[in-house]
Amino acid sequence: MSAPQEFTQLLVSWRNGDKSALDAMTPVLYTELRKLARHLLAAERPDHTLQPTALVHEAYLRLVDQRSVDWKNRAHFMGMAATMMRRILINHAKAHKAAKREGYADAITLDDALGVFTKPQVDLLDLDQSLDRLTKLDPQQGKVVELRYFGGLSIEETAEVMGISPATVKREWGTARLWLIQQLEGPAVQ
């Protein structure tokens, strides 16, 4: 059995009340969450006060508390983890901004995850607000961005989580990135 299939089986067993399944999948889960946390925090400022371990632990605690979720597979679980980590990071940024009371939010570097911004720094809270606006306009595009950027999921994994084709994910991803560029950087100068 492949690792994703084994992880999926453990998720289903855990959901069905098998406590030993959580114990069995915790090392794999922790590794996956660490990768995701490193991906997200690599784009943050160097002096960020939230460390990958703290982000992983917070997300882990929230995820294992989700008893009513019908876990379908690893990609579905990682999609939920991406949403949790996004919320944790945004809440942390808001609290940090409020504590400083200097009227600005810390900028993050959006490396190749979005890969199309021309400005090297993008404000995390601005990105979050823009993503919220995009989601109101087009929920599918908003979810694609969340899964691809915050979740670090591939085109294929995003398609699996959302139940759409990889071609649709690619199309929505491209359109959403262009919309976000316009929102975050303004219209292109001709």
N, C-alpha and C. Protein backbone atom coordinates (compact mmCIF):
# COMPACT_ATOMS: atom_id res chain seq x y z
N MET A 1 0.86 -1.18 0.00
CA MET A 1 0.00 0.00 0.00
C MET A 1 0.91 1.24 0.00
N SER A 2 0.56 2.23 -0.82
CA SER A 2 1.38 3.45 -0.89
C SER A 2 1.16 4.31 0.34
N ALA A 3 2.10 5.23 0.57
CA ALA A 3 2.02 6.10 1.75
C ALA A 3 0.72 6.91 1.79
N PRO A 4 0.31 7.58 0.67
CA PRO A 4 -0.95 8.32 0.72
C PRO A 4 -2.16 7.42 1.02
N GLN A 5 -2.17 6.19 0.45
CA GLN A 5 -3.28 5.27 0.70
C GLN A 5 -3.28 4.82 2.16
N GLU A 6 -2.09 4.56 2.68
CA GLU A 6 -1.97 4.14 4.08
C GLU A 6 -2.43 5.27 5.01
N PHE A 7 -2.01 6.50 4.69
CA PHE A 7 -2.42 7.67 5.48
C PHE A 7 -3.93 7.83 5.43
N THR A 8 -4.51 7.66 4.24
CA THR A 8 -5.96 7.76 4.08
C THR A 8 -6.67 6.70 4.93
N GLN A 9 -6.16 5.46 4.91
CA GLN A 9 -6.77 4.40 5.70
C GLN A 9 -6.69 4.70 7.18
N LEU A 10 -5.55 5.25 7.63
CA LEU A 10 -5.42 5.63 9.03
C LEU A 10 -6.39 6.75 9.40
N LEU A 11 -6.56 7.71 8.50
CA LEU A 11 -7.53 8.80 8.74
C LEU A 11 -8.93 8.25 8.93
N VAL A 12 -9.32 7.34 8.04
CA VAL A 12 -10.66 6.75 8.12
C VAL A 12 -10.82 5.96 9.41
N SER A 13 -9.80 5.18 9.75
CA SER A 13 -9.86 4.40 11.00
C SER A 13 -9.96 5.31 12.21
N TRP A 14 -9.17 6.38 12.21
CA TRP A 14 -9.20 7.34 13.32
C TRP A 14 -10.58 7.98 13.43
N ARG A 15 -11.13 8.41 12.27
CA ARG A 15 -12.46 9.02 12.25
C ARG A 15 -13.50 8.06 12.82
N ASN A 16 -13.31 6.78 12.58
CA ASN A 16 -14.25 5.77 13.06
C ASN A 16 -14.00 5.34 14.50
N GLY A 17 -13.09 6.06 15.20
CA GLY A 17 -12.91 5.82 16.63
C GLY A 17 -11.70 5.01 17.03
N ASP A 18 -10.87 4.60 16.09
CA ASP A 18 -9.68 3.81 16.40
C ASP A 18 -8.57 4.74 16.88
N LYS A 19 -8.37 4.79 18.21
CA LYS A 19 -7.34 5.68 18.79
C LYS A 19 -5.93 5.29 18.35
N SER A 20 -5.70 4.02 18.10
CA SER A 20 -4.36 3.59 17.69
C SER A 20 -4.01 4.11 16.30
N ALA A 21 -5.01 4.41 15.49
CA ALA A 21 -4.75 4.95 14.15
C ALA A 21 -4.11 6.33 14.24
N LEU A 22 -4.56 7.14 15.19
CA LEU A 22 -3.95 8.46 15.40
C LEU A 22 -2.50 8.31 15.82
N ASP A 23 -2.24 7.35 16.72
CA ASP A 23 -0.86 7.11 17.15
C ASP A 23 0.01 6.68 15.97
N ALA A 24 -0.55 5.85 15.11
CA ALA A 24 0.21 5.34 13.96
C ALA A 24 0.49 6.42 12.92
N MET A 25 -0.45 7.33 12.75
CA MET A 25 -0.25 8.34 11.71
C MET A 25 0.40 9.62 12.23
N THR A 26 0.56 9.78 13.54
CA THR A 26 1.13 11.01 14.09
C THR A 26 2.52 11.32 13.53
N PRO A 27 3.45 10.37 13.43
CA PRO A 27 4.76 10.72 12.87
C PRO A 27 4.67 11.23 11.43
N VAL A 28 3.84 10.60 10.62
CA VAL A 28 3.66 11.04 9.23
C VAL A 28 2.97 12.40 9.20
N LEU A 29 1.95 12.53 10.00
CA LEU A 29 1.21 13.79 10.09
C LEU A 29 2.13 14.92 10.52
N TYR A 30 2.94 14.67 11.52
CA TYR A 30 3.86 15.70 12.03
C TYR A 30 4.84 16.12 10.94
N THR A 31 5.37 15.15 10.19
CA THR A 31 6.30 15.44 9.09
C THR A 31 5.62 16.29 8.03
N GLU A 32 4.41 15.94 7.66
CA GLU A 32 3.66 16.69 6.64
C GLU A 32 3.38 18.12 7.12
N LEU A 33 2.95 18.25 8.37
CA LEU A 33 2.66 19.58 8.91
C LEU A 33 3.93 20.42 9.02
N ARG A 34 5.04 19.81 9.37
CA ARG A 34 6.32 20.54 9.45
C ARG A 34 6.72 21.08 8.08
N LYS A 35 6.55 20.24 7.05
CA LYS A 35 6.88 20.70 5.68
C LYS A 35 6.02 21.90 5.31
N LEU A 36 4.74 21.80 5.61
CA LEU A 36 3.81 22.89 5.30
C LEU A 36 4.16 24.15 6.10
N ALA A 37 4.48 23.99 7.36
CA ALA A 37 4.84 25.14 8.20
C ALA A 37 6.12 25.79 7.71
N ARG A 38 7.12 24.98 7.35
CA ARG A 38 8.37 25.55 6.83
C ARG A 38 8.11 26.31 5.54
N HIS A 39 7.25 25.77 4.69
CA HIS A 39 6.90 26.43 3.43
C HIS A 39 6.26 27.80 3.71
N LEU A 40 5.32 27.83 4.62
CA LEU A 40 4.62 29.07 4.92
C LEU A 40 5.52 30.08 5.62
N LEU A 41 6.30 29.63 6.58
CA LEU A 41 7.13 30.55 7.35
C LEU A 41 8.39 30.98 6.61
N ALA A 42 8.78 30.25 5.57
CA ALA A 42 9.94 30.66 4.78
C ALA A 42 9.67 32.00 4.10
N ALA A 43 8.40 32.29 3.86
CA ALA A 43 8.03 33.54 3.21
C ALA A 43 7.87 34.69 4.20
N GLU A 44 7.96 34.40 5.48
CA GLU A 44 7.78 35.44 6.50
C GLU A 44 9.07 36.21 6.73
N ARG A 45 8.96 37.30 7.46
CA ARG A 45 10.14 38.10 7.80
C ARG A 45 11.07 37.26 8.66
N PRO A 46 12.39 37.53 8.62
CA PRO A 46 13.35 36.70 9.35
C PRO A 46 13.15 36.69 10.87
N ASP A 47 12.65 37.78 11.44
CA ASP A 47 12.49 37.85 12.89
C ASP A 47 11.09 37.46 13.34
N HIS A 48 10.39 36.67 12.52
CA HIS A 48 9.03 36.27 12.85
C HIS A 48 9.02 35.54 14.18
N THR A 49 8.07 35.88 15.04
CA THR A 49 8.03 35.29 16.38
C THR A 49 7.34 33.94 16.43
N LEU A 50 6.62 33.58 15.40
CA LEU A 50 5.96 32.27 15.36
C LEU A 50 6.90 31.29 14.67
N GLN A 51 7.34 30.29 15.38
CA GLN A 51 8.28 29.30 14.86
C GLN A 51 7.50 28.14 14.24
N PRO A 52 8.14 27.41 13.29
CA PRO A 52 7.44 26.29 12.65
C PRO A 52 6.87 25.28 13.66
N THR A 53 7.62 24.98 14.71
CA THR A 53 7.15 24.01 15.70
C THR A 53 5.86 24.49 16.37
N ALA A 54 5.80 25.76 16.71
CA ALA A 54 4.59 26.31 17.35
C ALA A 54 3.41 26.27 16.37
N LEU A 55 3.67 26.61 15.11
CA LEU A 55 2.60 26.56 14.10
C LEU A 55 2.11 25.14 13.90
N VAL A 56 3.03 24.18 13.85
CA VAL A 56 2.65 22.77 13.71
C VAL A 56 1.82 22.31 14.90
N HIS A 57 2.26 22.64 16.11
CA HIS A 57 1.53 22.20 17.30
C HIS A 57 0.14 22.80 17.37
N GLU A 58 0.04 24.09 17.06
CA GLU A 58 -1.29 24.74 17.07
C GLU A 58 -2.21 24.11 16.03
N ALA A 59 -1.69 23.91 14.81
CA ALA A 59 -2.50 23.30 13.75
C ALA A 59 -2.88 21.86 14.13
N TYR A 60 -1.93 21.12 14.67
CA TYR A 60 -2.18 19.73 15.07
C TYR A 60 -3.31 19.66 16.10
N LEU A 61 -3.23 20.51 17.12
CA LEU A 61 -4.26 20.51 18.15
C LEU A 61 -5.64 20.83 17.57
N ARG A 62 -5.68 21.76 16.64
CA ARG A 62 -6.96 22.11 16.03
C ARG A 62 -7.47 20.98 15.13
N LEU A 63 -6.56 20.33 14.40
CA LEU A 63 -6.97 19.28 13.48
C LEU A 63 -7.46 18.03 14.20
N VAL A 64 -6.76 17.62 15.25
CA VAL A 64 -7.20 16.41 15.95
C VAL A 64 -8.49 16.65 16.72
N ASP A 65 -8.86 17.89 16.88
CA ASP A 65 -10.12 18.24 17.53
C ASP A 65 -11.30 18.18 16.56
N GLN A 66 -11.04 17.99 15.29
CA GLN A 66 -12.07 17.98 14.25
C GLN A 66 -12.69 16.60 14.13
N ARG A 67 -13.58 16.29 15.00
CA ARG A 67 -14.20 14.96 15.02
C ARG A 67 -15.30 14.79 13.97
N SER A 68 -15.94 15.86 13.58
CA SER A 68 -17.08 15.74 12.68
C SER A 68 -16.69 15.76 11.20
N VAL A 69 -15.40 15.91 10.90
CA VAL A 69 -14.96 15.98 9.51
C VAL A 69 -14.88 14.58 8.93
N ASP A 70 -15.42 14.42 7.74
CA ASP A 70 -15.36 13.14 7.03
C ASP A 70 -14.09 13.15 6.17
N TRP A 71 -12.95 12.77 6.77
CA TRP A 71 -11.68 12.81 6.06
C TRP A 71 -11.73 11.86 4.87
N LYS A 72 -11.46 12.40 3.69
CA LYS A 72 -11.52 11.58 2.49
C LYS A 72 -10.16 10.97 2.15
N ASN A 73 -9.09 11.75 2.31
CA ASN A 73 -7.75 11.29 1.96
C ASN A 73 -6.71 12.27 2.49
N ARG A 74 -5.45 12.01 2.20
CA ARG A 74 -4.36 12.85 2.64
C ARG A 74 -4.51 14.27 2.10
N ALA A 75 -4.84 14.41 0.83
CA ALA A 75 -4.97 15.73 0.22
C ALA A 75 -6.08 16.54 0.90
N HIS A 76 -7.19 15.90 1.23
CA HIS A 76 -8.28 16.58 1.93
C HIS A 76 -7.80 17.05 3.31
N PHE A 77 -7.08 16.18 4.00
CA PHE A 77 -6.56 16.53 5.31
C PHE A 77 -5.58 17.71 5.21
N MET A 78 -4.68 17.68 4.22
CA MET A 78 -3.71 18.75 4.05
C MET A 78 -4.40 20.04 3.63
N GLY A 79 -5.48 19.95 2.90
CA GLY A 79 -6.26 21.14 2.57
C GLY A 79 -6.83 21.79 3.82
N MET A 80 -7.34 20.97 4.72
CA MET A 80 -7.86 21.47 6.00
C MET A 80 -6.71 22.05 6.83
N ALA A 81 -5.56 21.40 6.80
CA ALA A 81 -4.39 21.91 7.52
C ALA A 81 -3.97 23.26 6.97
N ALA A 82 -4.04 23.42 5.66
CA ALA A 82 -3.69 24.71 5.04
C ALA A 82 -4.61 25.81 5.53
N THR A 83 -5.89 25.51 5.60
CA THR A 83 -6.86 26.49 6.10
C THR A 83 -6.57 26.84 7.55
N MET A 84 -6.28 25.83 8.36
CA MET A 84 -5.97 26.08 9.78
C MET A 84 -4.73 26.95 9.92
N MET A 85 -3.68 26.60 9.17
CA MET A 85 -2.43 27.35 9.28
C MET A 85 -2.60 28.78 8.77
N ARG A 86 -3.40 28.96 7.74
CA ARG A 86 -3.66 30.32 7.26
C ARG A 86 -4.31 31.14 8.37
N ARG A 87 -5.31 30.56 9.02
CA ARG A 87 -6.00 31.28 10.11
C ARG A 87 -5.04 31.60 11.26
N ILE A 88 -4.19 30.65 11.60
CA ILE A 88 -3.23 30.86 12.68
C ILE A 88 -2.28 32.00 12.32
N LEU A 89 -1.74 31.96 11.09
CA LEU A 89 -0.80 33.01 10.66
C LEU A 89 -1.47 34.38 10.61
N ILE A 90 -2.69 34.44 10.11
CA ILE A 90 -3.40 35.72 10.03
C ILE A 90 -3.70 36.24 11.43
N ASN A 91 -4.16 35.37 12.31
CA ASN A 91 -4.42 35.80 13.69
C ASN A 91 -3.14 36.28 14.36
N HIS A 92 -2.04 35.60 14.11
CA HIS A 92 -0.76 36.00 14.67
C HIS A 92 -0.34 37.37 14.12
N ALA A 93 -0.50 37.57 12.81
CA ALA A 93 -0.14 38.86 12.19
C ALA A 93 -1.00 39.99 12.75
N LYS A 94 -2.28 39.72 12.92
CA LYS A 94 -3.17 40.75 13.49
C LYS A 94 -2.78 41.09 14.92
N ALA A 95 -2.48 40.08 15.71
CA ALA A 95 -2.08 40.32 17.10
C ALA A 95 -0.75 41.07 17.16
N HIS A 96 0.16 40.70 16.28
CA HIS A 96 1.47 41.37 16.24
C HIS A 96 1.30 42.84 15.85
N LYS A 97 0.44 43.08 14.87
CA LYS A 97 0.19 44.46 14.42
C LYS A 97 -0.47 45.26 15.54
N ALA A 98 -1.43 44.67 16.20
CA ALA A 98 -2.11 45.37 17.28
C ALA A 98 -1.15 45.68 18.43
N ALA A 99 -0.25 44.75 18.70
CA ALA A 99 0.71 44.95 19.79
C ALA A 99 1.68 46.07 19.47
N LYS A 100 2.07 46.19 18.24
CA LYS A 100 3.03 47.23 17.87
C LYS A 100 2.39 48.61 17.78
N ARG A 101 1.11 48.62 17.37
CA ARG A 101 0.37 49.87 17.23
C ARG A 101 1.11 50.91 16.39
N GLU A 102 1.85 50.44 15.39
CA GLU A 102 2.57 51.36 14.52
C GLU A 102 1.87 51.54 13.19
N GLY A 103 0.75 50.89 13.02
CA GLY A 103 -0.05 51.12 11.83
C GLY A 103 0.41 50.41 10.57
N TYR A 104 1.28 49.44 10.69
CA TYR A 104 1.64 48.68 9.51
C TYR A 104 1.76 47.21 9.89
N ALA A 105 1.57 46.38 8.87
CA ALA A 105 1.72 44.95 9.08
C ALA A 105 3.06 44.53 8.49
N ASP A 106 3.56 43.44 8.96
CA ASP A 106 4.83 42.95 8.46
C ASP A 106 4.65 42.38 7.06
N ALA A 107 5.64 42.61 6.24
CA ALA A 107 5.61 42.11 4.88
C ALA A 107 6.22 40.73 4.82
N ILE A 108 5.73 39.94 3.89
CA ILE A 108 6.30 38.62 3.66
C ILE A 108 6.79 38.56 2.23
N THR A 109 7.72 37.68 1.98
CA THR A 109 8.19 37.45 0.63
C THR A 109 7.35 36.33 0.04
N LEU A 110 6.76 36.56 -1.09
CA LEU A 110 6.03 35.50 -1.77
C LEU A 110 6.97 34.92 -2.81
N ASP A 111 7.65 33.86 -2.43
CA ASP A 111 8.62 33.28 -3.34
C ASP A 111 7.89 32.61 -4.50
N ASP A 112 8.36 31.51 -4.95
CA ASP A 112 7.79 30.88 -6.12
C ASP A 112 6.40 30.28 -5.91
N ALA A 113 5.87 30.36 -4.68
CA ALA A 113 4.53 29.82 -4.43
C ALA A 113 3.50 30.49 -5.31
N LEU A 114 3.51 31.81 -5.37
CA LEU A 114 2.65 32.50 -6.31
C LEU A 114 3.44 32.85 -7.57
N GLY A 115 4.73 33.13 -7.39
CA GLY A 115 5.64 33.22 -8.50
C GLY A 115 5.41 34.30 -9.54
N VAL A 116 4.49 35.21 -9.31
CA VAL A 116 4.22 36.19 -10.36
C VAL A 116 4.25 37.62 -9.87
N PHE A 117 4.43 37.84 -8.59
CA PHE A 117 4.46 39.20 -8.08
C PHE A 117 5.77 39.86 -8.47
N THR A 118 5.70 41.13 -8.86
CA THR A 118 6.92 41.85 -9.23
C THR A 118 7.52 42.55 -8.03
N LYS A 119 6.71 42.86 -7.03
CA LYS A 119 7.23 43.44 -5.79
C LYS A 119 7.74 42.31 -4.91
N PRO A 120 8.94 42.45 -4.33
CA PRO A 120 9.47 41.34 -3.55
C PRO A 120 8.77 41.12 -2.22
N GLN A 121 8.09 42.12 -1.67
CA GLN A 121 7.43 41.98 -0.38
C GLN A 121 5.93 42.23 -0.55
N VAL A 122 5.14 41.38 0.06
CA VAL A 122 3.69 41.53 0.06
C VAL A 122 3.22 41.41 1.50
N ASP A 123 2.35 42.29 1.92
CA ASP A 123 1.82 42.30 3.27
C ASP A 123 0.86 41.12 3.44
N LEU A 124 1.10 40.29 4.47
CA LEU A 124 0.28 39.11 4.70
C LEU A 124 -1.18 39.47 4.93
N LEU A 125 -1.44 40.55 5.67
CA LEU A 125 -2.82 40.93 5.93
C LEU A 125 -3.49 41.45 4.65
N ASP A 126 -2.73 42.16 3.79
CA ASP A 126 -3.28 42.58 2.50
C ASP A 126 -3.60 41.37 1.64
N LEU A 127 -2.70 40.39 1.63
CA LEU A 127 -2.94 39.16 0.87
C LEU A 127 -4.19 38.47 1.38
N ASP A 128 -4.34 38.38 2.69
CA ASP A 128 -5.51 37.73 3.27
C ASP A 128 -6.80 38.45 2.89
N GLN A 129 -6.78 39.78 2.95
CA GLN A 129 -7.98 40.56 2.58
C GLN A 129 -8.29 40.40 1.10
N SER A 130 -7.25 40.41 0.27
CA SER A 130 -7.46 40.22 -1.16
C SER A 130 -8.00 38.82 -1.44
N LEU A 131 -7.46 37.82 -0.73
CA LEU A 131 -7.95 36.45 -0.91
C LEU A 131 -9.39 36.33 -0.45
N ASP A 132 -9.77 37.02 0.62
CA ASP A 132 -11.17 37.02 1.06
C ASP A 132 -12.08 37.64 -0.01
N ARG A 133 -11.62 38.76 -0.62
CA ARG A 133 -12.42 39.40 -1.69
C ARG A 133 -12.54 38.46 -2.89
N LEU A 134 -11.44 37.81 -3.25
CA LEU A 134 -11.47 36.87 -4.37
C LEU A 134 -12.45 35.74 -4.08
N THR A 135 -12.43 35.23 -2.86
CA THR A 135 -13.31 34.12 -2.50
C THR A 135 -14.78 34.54 -2.58
N LYS A 136 -15.08 35.80 -2.23
CA LYS A 136 -16.46 36.28 -2.36
C LYS A 136 -16.87 36.37 -3.83
N LEU A 137 -15.92 36.77 -4.69
CA LEU A 137 -16.20 36.87 -6.13
C LEU A 137 -16.26 35.50 -6.79
N ASP A 138 -15.33 34.64 -6.41
CA ASP A 138 -15.22 33.32 -7.02
C ASP A 138 -14.69 32.34 -5.98
N PRO A 139 -15.58 31.67 -5.27
CA PRO A 139 -15.16 30.75 -4.20
C PRO A 139 -14.18 29.68 -4.67
N GLN A 140 -14.36 29.19 -5.87
CA GLN A 140 -13.48 28.14 -6.37
C GLN A 140 -12.06 28.66 -6.54
N GLN A 141 -11.90 29.85 -7.11
CA GLN A 141 -10.57 30.43 -7.27
C GLN A 141 -9.93 30.70 -5.91
N GLY A 142 -10.70 31.20 -4.97
CA GLY A 142 -10.18 31.45 -3.63
C GLY A 142 -9.67 30.18 -2.98
N LYS A 143 -10.41 29.10 -3.12
CA LYS A 143 -10.00 27.81 -2.53
C LYS A 143 -8.75 27.28 -3.22
N VAL A 144 -8.65 27.46 -4.53
CA VAL A 144 -7.46 27.02 -5.27
C VAL A 144 -6.22 27.74 -4.74
N VAL A 145 -6.32 29.06 -4.56
CA VAL A 145 -5.18 29.83 -4.05
C VAL A 145 -4.83 29.37 -2.64
N GLU A 146 -5.83 29.19 -1.80
CA GLU A 146 -5.57 28.76 -0.43
C GLU A 146 -4.86 27.41 -0.40
N LEU A 147 -5.33 26.47 -1.18
CA LEU A 147 -4.72 25.15 -1.19
C LEU A 147 -3.32 25.15 -1.81
N ARG A 148 -3.16 25.91 -2.89
CA ARG A 148 -1.86 25.95 -3.57
C ARG A 148 -0.85 26.76 -2.77
N TYR A 149 -1.21 27.95 -2.29
CA TYR A 149 -0.25 28.78 -1.59
C TYR A 149 -0.10 28.38 -0.13
N PHE A 150 -1.20 28.41 0.61
CA PHE A 150 -1.11 28.11 2.03
C PHE A 150 -0.95 26.62 2.30
N GLY A 151 -1.49 25.79 1.42
CA GLY A 151 -1.39 24.35 1.63
C GLY A 151 -0.20 23.71 0.96
N GLY A 152 0.39 24.41 -0.01
CA GLY A 152 1.52 23.85 -0.72
C GLY A 152 1.16 22.62 -1.54
N LEU A 153 -0.14 22.47 -1.87
CA LEU A 153 -0.57 21.30 -2.63
C LEU A 153 -0.25 21.48 -4.10
N SER A 154 0.00 20.38 -4.77
CA SER A 154 0.24 20.39 -6.20
C SER A 154 -1.07 20.62 -6.95
N ILE A 155 -0.96 20.81 -8.25
CA ILE A 155 -2.16 20.95 -9.09
C ILE A 155 -3.04 19.71 -8.92
N GLU A 156 -2.43 18.54 -8.98
CA GLU A 156 -3.18 17.28 -8.90
C GLU A 156 -3.83 17.11 -7.52
N GLU A 157 -3.09 17.42 -6.46
CA GLU A 157 -3.66 17.30 -5.11
C GLU A 157 -4.80 18.29 -4.91
N THR A 158 -4.64 19.50 -5.42
CA THR A 158 -5.71 20.50 -5.32
C THR A 158 -6.95 20.02 -6.05
N ALA A 159 -6.75 19.45 -7.24
CA ALA A 159 -7.88 18.92 -8.01
C ALA A 159 -8.59 17.81 -7.24
N GLU A 160 -7.81 16.95 -6.60
CA GLU A 160 -8.39 15.85 -5.82
C GLU A 160 -9.21 16.37 -4.65
N VAL A 161 -8.66 17.34 -3.91
CA VAL A 161 -9.37 17.89 -2.75
C VAL A 161 -10.67 18.54 -3.19
N MET A 162 -10.61 19.28 -4.30
CA MET A 162 -11.78 20.05 -4.73
C MET A 162 -12.75 19.27 -5.61
N GLY A 163 -12.32 18.10 -6.08
CA GLY A 163 -13.18 17.29 -6.93
C GLY A 163 -13.36 17.89 -8.32
N ILE A 164 -12.32 18.53 -8.83
CA ILE A 164 -12.34 19.12 -10.18
C ILE A 164 -11.12 18.61 -10.93
N SER A 165 -11.06 18.88 -12.22
CA SER A 165 -9.95 18.39 -13.03
C SER A 165 -8.69 19.23 -12.83
N PRO A 166 -7.53 18.63 -13.05
CA PRO A 166 -6.28 19.41 -12.98
C PRO A 166 -6.27 20.58 -13.97
N ALA A 167 -6.88 20.41 -15.12
CA ALA A 167 -6.94 21.50 -16.10
C ALA A 167 -7.73 22.68 -15.54
N THR A 168 -8.81 22.40 -14.83
CA THR A 168 -9.60 23.47 -14.21
C THR A 168 -8.79 24.16 -13.13
N VAL A 169 -8.04 23.39 -12.33
CA VAL A 169 -7.20 23.99 -11.29
C VAL A 169 -6.18 24.93 -11.93
N LYS A 170 -5.52 24.47 -13.00
CA LYS A 170 -4.51 25.31 -13.68
C LYS A 170 -5.14 26.60 -14.18
N ARG A 171 -6.31 26.50 -14.78
CA ARG A 171 -6.99 27.69 -15.31
C ARG A 171 -7.38 28.64 -14.18
N GLU A 172 -7.97 28.11 -13.12
CA GLU A 172 -8.39 28.94 -11.99
C GLU A 172 -7.18 29.56 -11.29
N TRP A 173 -6.10 28.80 -11.15
CA TRP A 173 -4.87 29.27 -10.52
C TRP A 173 -4.30 30.45 -11.30
N GLY A 174 -4.24 30.31 -12.62
CA GLY A 174 -3.71 31.40 -13.46
C GLY A 174 -4.55 32.66 -13.36
N THR A 175 -5.85 32.51 -13.44
CA THR A 175 -6.75 33.65 -13.36
C THR A 175 -6.68 34.31 -11.98
N ALA A 176 -6.67 33.50 -10.94
CA ALA A 176 -6.62 34.02 -9.57
C ALA A 176 -5.31 34.77 -9.32
N ARG A 177 -4.20 34.23 -9.80
CA ARG A 177 -2.91 34.91 -9.62
C ARG A 177 -2.91 36.28 -10.27
N LEU A 178 -3.44 36.35 -11.48
CA LEU A 178 -3.49 37.65 -12.16
C LEU A 178 -4.37 38.64 -11.41
N TRP A 179 -5.50 38.17 -10.90
CA TRP A 179 -6.39 39.05 -10.14
C TRP A 179 -5.69 39.54 -8.88
N LEU A 180 -4.99 38.64 -8.19
CA LEU A 180 -4.29 39.02 -6.96
C LEU A 180 -3.16 40.01 -7.24
N ILE A 181 -2.47 39.84 -8.35
CA ILE A 181 -1.42 40.80 -8.72
C ILE A 181 -2.02 42.19 -8.85
N GLN A 182 -3.13 42.28 -9.55
CA GLN A 182 -3.77 43.58 -9.74
C GLN A 182 -4.20 44.17 -8.41
N GLN A 183 -4.72 43.34 -7.52
CA GLN A 183 -5.17 43.82 -6.23
C GLN A 183 -4.02 44.28 -5.33
N LEU A 184 -2.94 43.54 -5.35
CA LEU A 184 -1.83 43.79 -4.44
C LEU A 184 -0.80 44.78 -5.00
N GLU A 185 -0.67 44.83 -6.32
CA GLU A 185 0.35 45.69 -6.90
C GLU A 185 -0.23 46.82 -7.72
N GLY A 186 -1.53 46.81 -7.95
CA GLY A 186 -2.14 47.84 -8.78
C GLY A 186 -2.06 47.46 -10.25
N PRO A 187 -2.74 48.25 -11.10
CA PRO A 187 -2.73 47.93 -12.53
C PRO A 187 -1.32 48.08 -13.11
N ALA A 188 -1.04 47.29 -14.12
CA ALA A 188 0.27 47.34 -14.78
C ALA A 188 0.44 48.68 -15.48
N VAL A 189 1.66 49.21 -15.42
CA VAL A 189 1.97 50.48 -16.09
C VAL A 189 2.34 50.16 -17.53
N GLN A 190 1.74 50.85 -18.46
CA GLN A 190 1.99 50.59 -19.88
C GLN A 190 3.03 51.54 -20.42
